[in-house]
């Protein structure tokens, strides 16, 4: 079983890691936007927007949301890195 030399190149690894980092940053940005918006609603009228949850429960939701959005962001970045590496450097579309 032989592997193509380019499948383990440092350039490819750095490319995919960079996309994963970008995904993590986008996940953080999305989390911040949603959280700032919804915390504003909770502060304005907690009884209406809290859905019957306490502040401690919302704090737990914050932590779970952070982990989920970061995981999704990193995974999506990884998949996009692999896709664009293949598209740009292997198939060389439109060249």
C-alpha atoms as a PDB file:
ATOM      1  CA  UNK A   1       0.000   0.000   0.000  1.00  0.00           C
ATOM      2  CA  UNK A   2       1.585   3.260  -1.046  1.00  0.00           C
ATOM      3  CA  UNK A   3       0.591   6.750  -0.106  1.00  0.00           C
ATOM      4  CA  UNK A   4       0.957   9.739  -2.363  1.00  0.00           C
ATOM      5  CA  UNK A   5       3.711  11.982  -1.087  1.00  0.00           C
ATOM      6  CA  UNK A   6       1.464  15.042  -1.176  1.00  0.00           C
ATOM      7  CA  UNK A   7      -1.071  13.470   1.239  1.00  0.00           C
ATOM      8  CA  UNK A   8       1.254  14.121   4.197  1.00  0.00           C
ATOM      9  CA  UNK A   9       2.944  17.334   3.100  1.00  0.00           C
ATOM     10  CA  UNK A  10       3.585  20.020   5.724  1.00  0.00           C
ATOM     11  CA  UNK A  11       1.949  22.568   3.426  1.00  0.00           C
ATOM     12  CA  UNK A  12      -1.287  20.557   3.344  1.00  0.00           C
ATOM     13  CA  UNK A  13      -1.265  20.043   7.117  1.00  0.00           C
ATOM     14  CA  UNK A  14      -0.731  23.769   7.735  1.00  0.00           C
ATOM     15  CA  UNK A  15      -3.475  24.585   5.216  1.00  0.00           C
ATOM     16  CA  UNK A  16      -6.005  22.334   6.950  1.00  0.00           C
ATOM     17  CA  UNK A  17      -4.989  23.527  10.432  1.00  0.00           C
ATOM     18  CA  UNK A  18      -5.423  27.129   9.270  1.00  0.00           C
ATOM     19  CA  UNK A  19      -8.926  26.391   7.990  1.00  0.00           C
ATOM     20  CA  UNK A  20      -9.740  24.641  11.277  1.00  0.00           C
ATOM     21  CA  UNK A  21      -8.539  27.716  13.182  1.00  0.00           C
ATOM     22  CA  UNK A  22     -10.685  29.913  10.943  1.00  0.00           C
ATOM     23  CA  UNK A  23     -13.658  27.671  11.718  1.00  0.00           C
ATOM     24  CA  UNK A  24     -12.960  28.050  15.444  1.00  0.00           C
ATOM     25  CA  UNK A  25     -12.853  31.842  15.085  1.00  0.00           C
ATOM     26  CA  UNK A  26     -16.119  31.880  13.147  1.00  0.00           C
ATOM     27  CA  UNK A  27     -17.678  29.659  15.829  1.00  0.00           C
ATOM     28  CA  UNK A  28     -16.570  32.126  18.513  1.00  0.00           C
ATOM     29  CA  UNK A  29     -17.928  35.050  16.528  1.00  0.00           C
ATOM     30  CA  UNK A  30     -21.278  33.337  15.978  1.00  0.00           C
ATOM     31  CA  UNK A  31     -21.452  32.429  19.666  1.00  0.00           C
ATOM     32  CA  UNK A  32     -20.729  36.033  20.687  1.00  0.00           C
ATOM     33  CA  UNK A  33     -23.367  37.461  18.355  1.00  0.00           C
ATOM     34  CA  UNK A  34     -26.086  35.073  19.532  1.00  0.00           C
ATOM     35  CA  UNK A  35     -25.158  35.452  23.181  1.00  0.00           C
ATOM     36  CA  UNK A  36     -25.001  39.250  23.152  1.00  0.00           C
ATOM     37  CA  UNK A  37     -28.378  39.390  21.423  1.00  0.00           C
ATOM     38  CA  UNK A  38     -30.106  36.907  23.715  1.00  0.00           C
ATOM     39  CA  UNK A  39     -28.568  38.159  26.969  1.00  0.00           C
ATOM     40  CA  UNK A  40     -29.849  41.602  25.987  1.00  0.00           C
ATOM     41  CA  UNK A  41     -33.345  40.125  25.772  1.00  0.00           C
ATOM     42  CA  UNK A  42     -32.930  38.334  29.111  1.00  0.00           C
ATOM     43  CA  UNK A  43     -31.754  41.500  30.844  1.00  0.00           C
ATOM     44  CA  UNK A  44     -34.562  43.553  29.334  1.00  0.00           C
ATOM     45  CA  UNK A  45     -37.363  41.167  30.370  1.00  0.00           C
ATOM     46  CA  UNK A  46     -36.183  37.966  32.041  1.00  0.00           C
ATOM     47  CA  UNK A  47     -39.650  36.621  32.808  1.00  0.00           C
ATOM     48  CA  UNK A  48     -40.698  36.778  29.141  1.00  0.00           C
ATOM     49  CA  UNK A  49     -37.536  35.433  27.453  1.00  0.00           C
ATOM     50  CA  UNK A  50     -36.179  33.003  30.050  1.00  0.00           C
ATOM     51  CA  UNK A  51     -38.465  30.123  28.957  1.00  0.00           C
ATOM     52  CA  UNK A  52     -38.877  29.251  32.629  1.00  0.00           C
ATOM     53  CA  UNK A  53     -35.160  28.668  33.145  1.00  0.00           C
ATOM     54  CA  UNK A  54     -33.031  30.178  35.915  1.00  0.00           C
ATOM     55  CA  UNK A  55     -29.823  32.163  35.458  1.00  0.00           C
ATOM     56  CA  UNK A  56     -27.830  29.078  36.537  1.00  0.00           C
ATOM     57  CA  UNK A  57     -29.510  27.017  33.832  1.00  0.00           C
ATOM     58  CA  UNK A  58     -28.752  29.704  31.247  1.00  0.00           C
ATOM     59  CA  UNK A  59     -25.151  29.641  32.460  1.00  0.00           C
ATOM     60  CA  UNK A  60     -25.050  25.888  31.747  1.00  0.00           C
ATOM     61  CA  UNK A  61     -26.598  26.478  28.303  1.00  0.00           C
ATOM     62  CA  UNK A  62     -23.825  29.024  27.662  1.00  0.00           C
ATOM     63  CA  UNK A  63     -21.129  26.445  28.392  1.00  0.00           C
ATOM     64  CA  UNK A  64     -22.758  23.703  26.337  1.00  0.00           C
ATOM     65  CA  UNK A  65     -23.323  26.159  23.464  1.00  0.00           C
ATOM     66  CA  UNK A  66     -19.672  27.194  23.593  1.00  0.00           C
ATOM     67  CA  UNK A  67     -18.448  23.608  23.275  1.00  0.00           C
ATOM     68  CA  UNK A  68     -20.937  22.730  20.541  1.00  0.00           C
ATOM     69  CA  UNK A  69     -20.283  25.816  18.404  1.00  0.00           C
ATOM     70  CA  UNK A  70     -16.507  25.469  18.762  1.00  0.00           C
ATOM     71  CA  UNK A  71     -16.650  21.787  17.859  1.00  0.00           C
ATOM     72  CA  UNK A  72     -18.855  22.446  14.845  1.00  0.00           C
ATOM     73  CA  UNK A  73     -16.635  25.361  13.781  1.00  0.00           C
ATOM     74  CA  UNK A  74     -13.428  23.336  13.988  1.00  0.00           C
ATOM     75  CA  UNK A  75     -14.977  20.344  12.213  1.00  0.00           C
ATOM     76  CA  UNK A  76     -16.468  22.522   9.453  1.00  0.00           C
ATOM     77  CA  UNK A  77     -13.103  24.275   9.046  1.00  0.00           C
ATOM     78  CA  UNK A  78     -11.351  20.911   8.767  1.00  0.00           C
ATOM     79  CA  UNK A  79     -13.790  19.734   6.094  1.00  0.00           C
ATOM     80  CA  UNK A  80     -13.478  23.014   4.179  1.00  0.00           C
ATOM     81  CA  UNK A  81      -9.675  22.817   4.377  1.00  0.00           C
ATOM     82  CA  UNK A  82      -9.694  19.334   2.891  1.00  0.00           C
ATOM     83  CA  UNK A  83     -12.192  20.358   0.210  1.00  0.00           C
ATOM     84  CA  UNK A  84     -10.348  23.482  -0.888  1.00  0.00           C
ATOM     85  CA  UNK A  85      -6.947  21.758  -0.783  1.00  0.00           C
ATOM     86  CA  UNK A  86      -8.253  19.118  -3.158  1.00  0.00           C
ATOM     87  CA  UNK A  87     -10.009  21.705  -5.339  1.00  0.00           C
ATOM     88  CA  UNK A  88      -7.079  24.124  -5.609  1.00  0.00           C
ATOM     89  CA  UNK A  89      -3.967  21.938  -5.479  1.00  0.00           C
ATOM     90  CA  UNK A  90      -5.092  18.573  -6.831  1.00  0.00           C
ATOM     91  CA  UNK A  91      -7.798  19.152  -9.427  1.00  0.00           C
ATOM     92  CA  UNK A  92      -6.637  22.708 -10.292  1.00  0.00           C
ATOM     93  CA  UNK A  93     -10.055  23.822 -11.420  1.00  0.00           C
ATOM     94  CA  UNK A  94     -10.206  26.303 -14.303  1.00  0.00           C
ATOM     95  CA  UNK A  95      -6.539  26.063 -15.213  1.00  0.00           C
END
